[in-house]
Amino acid sequence: MFSTPLRSLLFAALFLALGLGTGWWLRGASDLGRNDAPPTMAQEGPASPEGHASTPERRAIPLNDNVRPKNETPSHTTDVPSHPLAESAPVEDAPQRETTDWETILRDRLENRAFGAAIDLYQNVERQDLASAGRLRQIILEYLEGYLRSGDDLALTQLVEGFLSVHYDDIAVLTLLSRHQQQSGYWAEAARTFQLAFSYTEAQPSQRSLVNQAFDQFVHAMDQQLVSEQRWQTLISFYETLEQLDLSQPPELLRLGQLYLTHGEPVAGRNLLERLAGHPSVGAQASALLNNNTAPTQAERRPPPPVGSIPLDAIGSHYALPLTLDGRQDVRLVIDTGASITTLSQQAFDRVSASARFTELGPQLFNTAGGTSSGMVYRVDSLQLGKHQLTDVAIAVLDFNTPGNIDGLLGMNVLRNFRFEVDQDQQVLKLQPRP
């Protein structure tokens, strides 16, 4: 019926069809077997011994320009629960129940203070599923609020430091950190945190109102607290710091001018209020304050002579000077008006703490040139600066490298007690105690 060549062609086509059908059937069976088996996923590595996702790099001293966490294994099991989370496997293909597992794992790690592992989990989820990562972020914020309410400074600083190492510009975490710094008494550091938060709203304009509201609450609370304690010089320093950080709006400047007038610096007060007299929102109030206060005499307008001066050593464009801690230990610090608190390197602290009396105040986060870094804060009984002695001075200890024979930074918590001037020609620091 068919010629020999035609029969050969038909048999070849038939065998080809059978081969293709068998291949597709076998492939389907193989896929079915793979779907029935649990997916092979990469297991997360253990958290770093420091308990955070990344450790800030040791840096040289900024010339102005930890406690190990608990065992990261949950107490009720011998292993951290495994979870199907690997960068090679899309999260969206995983069953919904596993999203709940991530939240459970995160809570377990936070409960056990395995903060490094918690941040690692958050990062891995965020790379693959932003919605799930958003839920994990809310859990982290929930725990941070709890640490803030309970006064658990160590847990809060470790978790905030770990989170900001991943997302340095998270507005909610930064404003929470500022509340913690304010409650701990480090209002200058809180102001610097607000400065960061405002700068990050340039790229996140929807967050601007949140930062504005938090900042207004911060200023109001600090004013009320310091007025109730009658700490007028500290209140003046607070508003001066806001001005230096470019955080002041006309109402804050008006308040500073008023404080100058009423607490012993009439020349500075009148100069500031005269600048504000033409402002549309506060001009009338500024003019009223000027009219209700007697102008200073010519003698009062002359600045008082400095009470003392301290020789300085030039280090490039910066200056170092000696101080004495607790009447026993001499240290050499670089003047840094950008540092909110006087700081010692860990190496210098280890050397002087054997003989000087230090009282531990607790951990704190500080804004440094290398980012947010944690350190321990101590109180030293006395600090001698030239002929002037201050008592109960807070000193932060941070792990950074210092050049030569420099032990740390002389910050504004000491310098704000004086009207001071660095005389570069004479290479001296001139000091005039504030009234």
Protein backbone atom coordinates (compact mmCIF):
# COMPACT_ATOMS: atom_id res chain seq x y z
CA MET A 1 0.00 0.00 0.00
CA PHE A 2 2.91 2.34 0.82
CA SER A 3 6.20 2.30 -0.88
CA THR A 4 9.25 1.21 1.12
CA PRO A 5 10.68 4.73 1.57
CA LEU A 6 7.29 6.04 2.74
CA ARG A 7 6.86 3.19 5.26
CA SER A 8 10.29 3.97 6.75
CA LEU A 9 9.34 7.62 7.15
CA LEU A 10 6.07 6.74 8.92
CA PHE A 11 7.80 4.35 11.34
CA ALA A 12 10.39 7.07 12.21
CA ALA A 13 7.64 9.62 12.92
CA LEU A 14 5.80 7.13 15.14
CA PHE A 15 8.91 6.37 17.22
CA LEU A 16 9.64 10.10 17.58
CA ALA A 17 6.11 10.79 18.88
CA LEU A 18 6.34 7.92 21.40
CA GLY A 19 9.72 9.17 22.59
CA LEU A 20 8.49 12.71 23.15
CA GLY A 21 5.39 11.52 25.00
CA THR A 22 7.41 9.27 27.28
CA GLY A 23 9.86 12.12 28.00
CA TRP A 24 7.14 14.55 29.02
CA TRP A 25 5.48 11.88 31.21
CA LEU A 26 8.76 11.14 32.98
CA ARG A 27 9.46 14.86 33.52
CA GLY A 28 6.02 15.34 35.08
CA ALA A 29 6.60 12.43 37.43
CA SER A 30 9.98 13.87 38.42
CA ASP A 31 8.49 17.31 39.13
CA LEU A 32 5.72 15.73 41.17
CA GLY A 33 8.29 13.94 43.28
CA ARG A 34 10.19 17.19 43.87
CA ASN A 35 7.04 19.05 44.86
CA ASP A 36 6.15 16.39 47.40
CA ALA A 37 9.55 16.64 49.07
CA PRO A 38 10.48 19.58 51.34
CA PRO A 39 12.52 22.23 49.53
CA THR A 40 16.24 22.29 50.22
CA MET A 41 17.07 25.68 51.72
CA ALA A 42 20.21 27.33 53.05
CA GLN A 43 20.17 27.53 56.84
CA GLU A 44 20.99 30.89 58.35
CA GLY A 45 24.39 31.08 59.99
CA PRO A 46 24.73 31.87 63.67
CA ALA A 47 24.69 35.44 64.82
CA SER A 48 27.95 37.25 65.35
CA PRO A 49 29.34 37.04 68.90
CA GLU A 50 28.73 40.76 69.35
CA GLY A 51 25.00 40.26 68.95
CA HIS A 52 24.46 42.59 66.00
CA ALA A 53 24.39 42.31 62.25
CA SER A 54 27.56 44.24 61.62
CA THR A 55 30.19 45.80 63.82
CA PRO A 56 31.12 49.42 63.08
CA GLU A 57 34.65 49.66 61.82
CA ARG A 58 37.22 51.00 64.26
CA ARG A 59 37.97 54.51 63.17
CA ALA A 60 40.51 57.17 63.87
CA ILE A 61 39.57 59.92 66.31
CA PRO A 62 37.34 62.53 64.59
CA LEU A 63 39.37 65.71 64.71
CA ASN A 64 36.33 67.84 63.92
CA ASP A 65 35.84 67.73 61.32
CA ASN A 66 28.86 45.26 74.29
CA VAL A 67 27.95 43.14 75.91
CA ARG A 68 27.82 39.64 74.44
CA PRO A 69 24.15 38.63 74.01
CA LYS A 70 22.61 35.68 75.73
CA ASN A 71 22.77 32.25 74.11
CA GLU A 72 20.96 32.70 70.83
CA THR A 73 19.25 29.31 71.17
CA PRO A 74 15.64 29.61 72.43
CA SER A 75 15.29 28.15 75.91
CA HIS A 76 12.56 25.66 74.92
CA THR A 77 14.50 23.87 72.16
CA THR A 78 18.01 22.80 71.37
CA ASP A 79 18.11 24.42 67.94
CA VAL A 80 16.84 27.61 66.40
CA PRO A 81 13.78 26.52 64.39
CA SER A 82 14.65 26.00 60.76
CA HIS A 83 12.74 27.95 58.19
CA PRO A 84 12.53 27.71 54.39
CA LEU A 85 14.30 31.01 53.75
CA ALA A 86 17.13 31.15 51.23
CA GLU A 87 18.11 33.81 48.77
CA SER A 88 17.80 31.27 45.96
CA ALA A 89 14.17 30.42 46.74
CA PRO A 90 11.50 33.07 46.08
CA VAL A 91 9.51 33.75 49.23
CA GLU A 92 6.30 34.25 47.29
CA ASP A 93 6.32 30.53 46.34
CA ALA A 94 6.41 29.44 50.00
CA PRO A 95 3.18 28.45 51.80
CA GLN A 96 1.52 31.20 53.85
CA ARG A 97 2.11 29.33 57.11
CA GLU A 98 5.85 30.02 56.80
CA THR A 99 5.33 33.79 57.09
CA THR A 100 3.94 33.17 60.56
CA ASP A 101 7.01 31.01 61.27
CA TRP A 102 9.30 33.96 60.49
CA GLU A 103 7.44 36.13 62.97
CA THR A 104 7.66 33.39 65.59
CA ILE A 105 11.37 32.93 64.96
CA LEU A 106 11.94 36.69 65.21
CA ARG A 107 10.09 36.88 68.52
CA ASP A 108 12.06 33.90 69.85
CA ARG A 109 15.32 35.59 68.95
CA LEU A 110 14.30 38.91 70.45
CA GLU A 111 13.12 37.20 73.64
CA ASN A 112 16.54 35.52 73.91
CA ARG A 113 18.32 38.79 73.02
CA ALA A 114 19.86 37.21 69.95
CA PHE A 115 19.75 40.59 68.26
CA GLY A 116 22.29 39.79 65.57
CA ALA A 117 20.32 36.73 64.46
CA ALA A 118 17.10 38.76 64.59
CA ILE A 119 18.53 41.41 62.27
CA ASP A 120 19.92 38.71 59.95
CA LEU A 121 16.44 37.19 59.66
CA TYR A 122 14.90 40.60 58.97
CA GLN A 123 17.47 41.30 56.23
CA ASN A 124 16.93 37.94 54.53
CA VAL A 125 13.16 38.34 54.48
CA GLU A 126 13.44 41.93 53.25
CA ARG A 127 15.49 40.85 50.24
CA GLN A 128 12.64 38.64 49.07
CA ASP A 129 9.30 39.79 50.49
CA LEU A 130 8.80 43.43 51.47
CA ALA A 131 5.33 42.84 52.90
CA SER A 132 6.62 40.18 55.30
CA ALA A 133 9.61 42.36 56.16
CA GLY A 134 7.21 45.17 57.05
CA ARG A 135 5.52 42.90 59.58
CA LEU A 136 8.88 41.95 61.06
CA ARG A 137 9.85 45.62 61.32
CA GLN A 138 6.68 46.30 63.32
CA ILE A 139 7.64 43.53 65.73
CA ILE A 140 11.09 45.10 66.16
CA LEU A 141 9.49 48.49 66.87
CA GLU A 142 7.15 46.82 69.36
CA TYR A 143 10.10 45.38 71.27
CA LEU A 144 11.97 48.69 71.17
CA GLU A 145 8.97 50.48 72.67
CA GLY A 146 8.85 47.84 75.39
CA TYR A 147 12.55 48.29 76.19
CA LEU A 148 12.04 52.06 76.32
CA ARG A 149 9.11 51.77 78.73
CA SER A 150 10.90 49.29 80.99
CA GLY A 151 14.19 51.19 81.02
CA ASP A 152 16.15 48.28 79.53
CA ASP A 153 18.92 50.46 78.13
CA LEU A 154 21.25 47.64 77.16
CA ALA A 155 18.67 45.76 75.07
CA LEU A 156 17.46 48.97 73.44
CA THR A 157 20.92 50.21 72.48
CA GLN A 158 21.97 46.82 71.09
CA LEU A 159 18.83 46.38 69.01
CA VAL A 160 18.79 49.97 67.74
CA GLU A 161 22.46 49.79 66.81
CA GLY A 162 21.90 46.54 64.92
CA PHE A 163 18.84 47.86 63.08
CA LEU A 164 20.47 51.17 62.13
CA SER A 165 23.44 49.26 60.75
CA VAL A 166 20.95 47.91 58.19
CA HIS A 167 18.68 50.96 57.79
CA TYR A 168 20.49 54.05 59.07
CA ASP A 169 17.69 56.35 57.83
CA ASP A 170 14.66 54.68 59.45
CA ILE A 171 12.73 57.66 60.82
CA ALA A 172 10.65 55.72 63.37
CA VAL A 173 13.73 54.11 64.91
CA LEU A 174 15.62 57.43 64.97
CA THR A 175 12.81 59.30 66.71
CA LEU A 176 12.51 56.46 69.23
CA LEU A 177 16.27 56.69 69.82
CA SER A 178 15.95 60.43 70.45
CA ARG A 179 13.27 59.75 73.08
CA HIS A 180 15.60 57.28 74.77
CA GLN A 181 18.49 59.78 74.74
CA GLN A 182 16.23 62.48 76.15
CA GLN A 183 14.94 60.25 78.94
CA SER A 184 18.52 59.24 79.77
CA GLY A 185 19.55 62.89 80.15
CA TYR A 186 21.58 63.15 76.94
CA TRP A 187 19.54 65.92 75.38
CA ALA A 188 22.40 67.20 73.21
CA GLU A 189 22.76 63.77 71.64
CA ALA A 190 18.97 63.63 71.16
CA ALA A 191 19.16 66.94 69.30
CA ARG A 192 21.84 65.50 67.00
CA THR A 193 19.64 62.50 66.31
CA PHE A 194 16.86 64.89 65.27
CA GLN A 195 19.34 66.64 62.99
CA LEU A 196 19.96 63.30 61.26
CA ALA A 197 16.25 62.52 61.05
CA PHE A 198 15.47 65.89 59.45
CA SER A 199 18.25 65.38 56.89
CA TYR A 200 16.81 61.99 55.91
CA THR A 201 13.34 63.44 55.33
CA GLU A 202 14.75 65.12 52.22
CA ALA A 203 14.44 61.71 50.58
CA GLN A 204 11.34 60.77 52.63
CA PRO A 205 9.12 63.90 52.52
CA SER A 206 6.10 61.98 53.82
CA GLN A 207 7.96 61.53 57.14
CA ARG A 208 8.61 65.24 57.66
CA SER A 209 5.46 65.88 59.70
CA LEU A 210 6.28 62.94 61.99
CA VAL A 211 9.75 64.37 62.71
CA ASN A 212 8.34 67.89 63.18
CA GLN A 213 5.81 66.63 65.70
CA ALA A 214 8.38 64.59 67.62
CA PHE A 215 10.81 67.52 67.66
CA ASP A 216 8.19 69.96 68.96
CA GLN A 217 7.35 67.53 71.77
CA PHE A 218 11.06 67.17 72.57
CA VAL A 219 11.60 70.95 72.82
CA HIS A 220 8.46 71.46 74.92
CA ALA A 221 9.34 68.64 77.31
CA MET A 222 12.92 69.83 77.78
CA ASP A 223 11.82 73.42 78.42
CA GLN A 224 9.25 72.33 81.00
CA GLN A 225 11.68 70.00 82.77
CA LEU A 226 14.55 72.48 83.03
CA VAL A 227 12.28 75.35 84.09
CA SER A 228 10.76 73.20 86.85
CA GLU A 229 14.30 72.37 88.04
CA GLN A 230 15.40 76.03 87.62
CA ARG A 231 18.42 74.93 85.61
CA TRP A 232 18.61 78.15 83.65
CA GLN A 233 22.14 77.80 82.29
CA THR A 234 21.36 74.30 81.07
CA LEU A 235 18.20 75.61 79.42
CA ILE A 236 20.22 78.34 77.68
CA SER A 237 22.73 75.70 76.55
CA PHE A 238 19.87 73.59 75.24
CA TYR A 239 18.55 76.37 72.98
CA GLU A 240 22.10 77.33 71.95
CA THR A 241 22.68 73.72 70.86
CA LEU A 242 19.51 73.79 68.74
CA GLU A 243 20.76 76.98 67.09
CA GLN A 244 24.23 75.52 66.45
CA LEU A 245 22.67 72.44 64.83
CA ASP A 246 20.45 74.63 62.64
CA LEU A 247 17.34 73.19 64.29
CA SER A 248 15.98 76.46 65.66
CA GLN A 249 12.96 78.17 64.17
CA PRO A 250 11.98 81.73 65.17
CA PRO A 251 10.03 80.58 68.29
CA GLU A 252 13.12 78.78 69.64
CA LEU A 253 15.33 81.80 68.92
CA LEU A 254 12.82 84.09 70.62
CA ARG A 255 12.89 81.86 73.70
CA LEU A 256 16.70 81.94 73.74
CA GLY A 257 16.73 85.73 73.54
CA GLN A 258 14.27 85.92 76.43
CA LEU A 259 16.43 83.57 78.53
CA TYR A 260 19.52 85.67 77.82
CA LEU A 261 17.74 88.79 79.06
CA THR A 262 16.40 87.25 82.24
CA HIS A 263 19.41 85.19 83.26
CA GLY A 264 22.46 87.37 83.04
CA GLU A 265 23.44 87.80 79.39
CA PRO A 266 21.57 91.00 78.36
CA VAL A 267 23.93 91.92 75.51
CA ALA A 268 23.50 88.56 73.79
CA GLY A 269 19.75 88.75 74.44
CA ARG A 270 19.29 92.20 72.90
CA ASN A 271 21.44 91.33 69.89
CA LEU A 272 19.36 88.25 69.17
CA LEU A 273 16.00 89.97 69.72
CA GLU A 274 16.98 92.89 67.49
CA ARG A 275 17.59 90.38 64.70
CA LEU A 276 14.10 88.95 65.26
CA ALA A 277 12.26 92.30 65.56
CA GLY A 278 11.42 92.38 61.86
CA HIS A 279 10.26 88.78 61.58
CA PRO A 280 6.58 88.45 60.58
CA SER A 281 5.69 85.75 63.13
CA VAL A 282 7.70 86.73 66.24
CA GLY A 283 8.70 90.34 65.51
CA ALA A 284 6.03 91.88 67.77
CA GLN A 285 7.03 89.66 70.71
CA ALA A 286 10.71 90.39 70.18
CA SER A 287 10.04 94.15 70.12
CA ALA A 288 7.96 93.90 73.29
CA LEU A 289 10.78 92.10 75.11
CA LEU A 290 13.25 94.74 73.97
CA ASN A 291 11.00 97.60 75.12
CA ASN A 292 10.40 96.03 78.52
CA ASN A 293 14.07 95.60 79.32
CA THR A 294 16.61 98.30 80.04
CA ALA A 295 19.37 98.50 77.48
CA PRO A 296 22.78 97.49 78.87
CA THR A 297 25.26 100.23 79.62
CA GLN A 298 28.38 100.75 77.58
CA ALA A 299 30.43 99.03 80.27
CA GLU A 300 28.09 96.04 80.21
CA ARG A 301 28.43 95.81 76.45
CA ARG A 302 32.16 95.21 76.76
CA PRO A 303 32.86 91.49 77.09
CA PRO A 304 34.49 90.52 80.39
CA PRO A 305 38.16 89.58 80.19
CA PRO A 306 38.89 85.88 80.20
CA VAL A 307 39.51 84.43 83.63
CA GLY A 308 42.15 82.05 82.40
CA SER A 309 43.78 80.54 79.38
CA ILE A 310 45.20 77.10 78.72
CA PRO A 311 48.10 76.42 76.33
CA LEU A 312 47.16 74.27 73.35
CA ASP A 313 49.12 71.89 71.16
CA ALA A 314 48.32 72.09 67.46
CA ILE A 315 47.52 68.82 65.71
CA GLY A 316 47.00 69.80 62.11
CA SER A 317 44.10 72.25 62.21
CA HIS A 318 42.95 71.01 65.63
CA TYR A 319 44.08 71.56 69.18
CA ALA A 320 44.75 69.35 72.19
CA LEU A 321 45.05 70.25 75.85
CA PRO A 322 45.65 68.50 79.17
CA LEU A 323 42.98 67.75 81.80
CA THR A 324 43.10 66.06 85.17
CA LEU A 325 40.49 63.48 86.15
CA ASP A 326 39.56 63.05 89.79
CA GLY A 327 42.67 64.99 90.84
CA ARG A 328 44.83 62.01 89.97
CA GLN A 329 45.05 61.15 86.30
CA ASP A 330 46.14 63.43 83.46
CA VAL A 331 44.73 62.92 79.99
CA ARG A 332 45.14 64.78 76.70
CA LEU A 333 41.99 65.55 74.76
CA VAL A 334 41.30 67.19 71.41
CA ILE A 335 38.80 70.07 71.47
CA ASP A 336 35.73 68.98 69.50
CA THR A 337 32.75 71.32 69.58
CA GLY A 338 30.84 68.76 67.50
CA ALA A 339 30.98 66.18 70.31
CA SER A 340 28.05 66.39 72.70
CA ILE A 341 29.93 64.60 75.49
CA THR A 342 33.57 64.32 76.53
CA THR A 343 34.92 60.98 75.33
CA LEU A 344 37.78 58.64 76.18
CA SER A 345 39.05 55.81 74.04
CA GLN A 346 38.68 52.35 75.55
CA GLN A 347 42.46 52.07 75.79
CA ALA A 348 42.77 55.37 77.69
CA PHE A 349 39.92 54.45 80.02
CA ASP A 350 41.54 51.11 80.84
CA ARG A 351 44.71 52.98 81.75
CA VAL A 352 43.21 55.68 83.99
CA SER A 353 40.27 53.85 85.57
CA ALA A 354 42.52 51.95 87.97
CA SER A 355 43.17 55.12 89.98
CA ALA A 356 40.41 57.61 89.07
CA ARG A 357 36.92 57.07 90.46
CA PHE A 358 34.34 56.33 87.78
CA THR A 359 30.68 55.49 88.34
CA GLU A 360 28.99 53.55 85.57
CA LEU A 361 25.83 55.25 84.28
CA GLY A 362 24.87 52.80 81.53
CA PRO A 363 25.13 52.24 77.76
CA GLN A 364 24.21 54.86 75.20
CA LEU A 365 24.25 55.38 71.44
CA PHE A 366 26.20 58.27 69.98
CA ASN A 367 26.24 59.86 66.54
CA THR A 368 29.83 59.67 65.28
CA ALA A 369 31.56 60.34 61.98
CA GLY A 370 31.36 56.61 61.27
CA GLY A 371 27.64 56.31 62.09
CA THR A 372 25.76 55.43 65.24
CA SER A 373 28.02 53.70 67.79
CA SER A 374 27.37 52.37 71.25
CA GLY A 375 29.47 53.16 74.29
CA MET A 376 29.35 53.06 78.06
CA VAL A 377 28.87 56.31 79.99
CA TYR A 378 30.57 56.95 83.33
CA ARG A 379 30.55 59.81 85.82
CA VAL A 380 33.87 61.06 87.13
CA ASP A 381 33.89 62.86 90.48
CA SER A 382 35.86 65.86 89.24
CA LEU A 383 37.55 67.26 86.15
CA GLN A 384 40.23 69.97 86.25
CA LEU A 385 40.42 72.24 83.19
CA GLY A 386 43.15 74.83 83.73
CA LYS A 387 42.22 76.62 86.95
CA HIS A 388 38.59 75.53 86.75
CA GLN A 389 37.17 72.44 88.40
CA LEU A 390 33.90 70.77 87.45
CA THR A 391 32.23 68.03 89.44
CA ASP A 392 30.15 65.00 88.45
CA VAL A 393 31.11 65.11 84.78
CA ALA A 394 29.77 62.50 82.34
CA ILE A 395 32.36 60.81 80.14
CA ALA A 396 31.62 58.34 77.35
CA VAL A 397 33.97 55.47 76.56
CA LEU A 398 34.02 54.40 72.90
CA ASP A 399 36.17 51.89 71.09
CA PHE A 400 38.11 54.01 68.60
CA ASN A 401 41.74 54.59 67.69
CA THR A 402 43.53 57.76 68.76
CA PRO A 403 46.65 59.29 67.21
CA GLY A 404 49.85 59.65 69.19
CA ASN A 405 49.37 60.55 72.81
CA ILE A 406 45.73 61.65 72.46
CA ASP A 407 43.25 60.01 74.84
CA GLY A 408 39.93 61.30 73.51
CA LEU A 409 37.73 64.35 72.85
CA LEU A 410 36.81 67.35 74.97
CA GLY A 411 33.11 67.77 74.24
CA MET A 412 30.43 70.37 74.81
CA ASN A 413 29.19 68.97 78.13
CA VAL A 414 32.37 70.54 79.57
CA LEU A 415 32.82 73.51 77.23
CA ARG A 416 29.27 74.80 77.59
CA ASN A 417 30.09 75.82 81.16
CA PHE A 418 32.23 78.63 79.69
CA ARG A 419 32.30 81.34 77.13
CA PHE A 420 35.37 80.12 75.33
CA GLU A 421 37.57 81.09 72.43
CA VAL A 422 40.41 79.28 70.70
CA ASP A 423 43.09 81.90 70.06
CA GLN A 424 44.92 80.40 67.11
CA ASP A 425 47.61 83.08 67.06
CA GLN A 426 48.56 82.55 70.68
CA GLN A 427 47.56 78.86 70.63
CA VAL A 428 45.59 79.13 73.88
CA LEU A 429 42.04 78.34 74.96
CA LYS A 430 40.48 81.40 76.65
CA LEU A 431 37.81 80.67 79.21
CA GLN A 432 35.19 82.84 80.92
CA PRO A 433 32.79 81.02 83.30
CA ARG A 434 29.17 81.67 82.43
CA PRO A 435 27.05 83.59 84.94
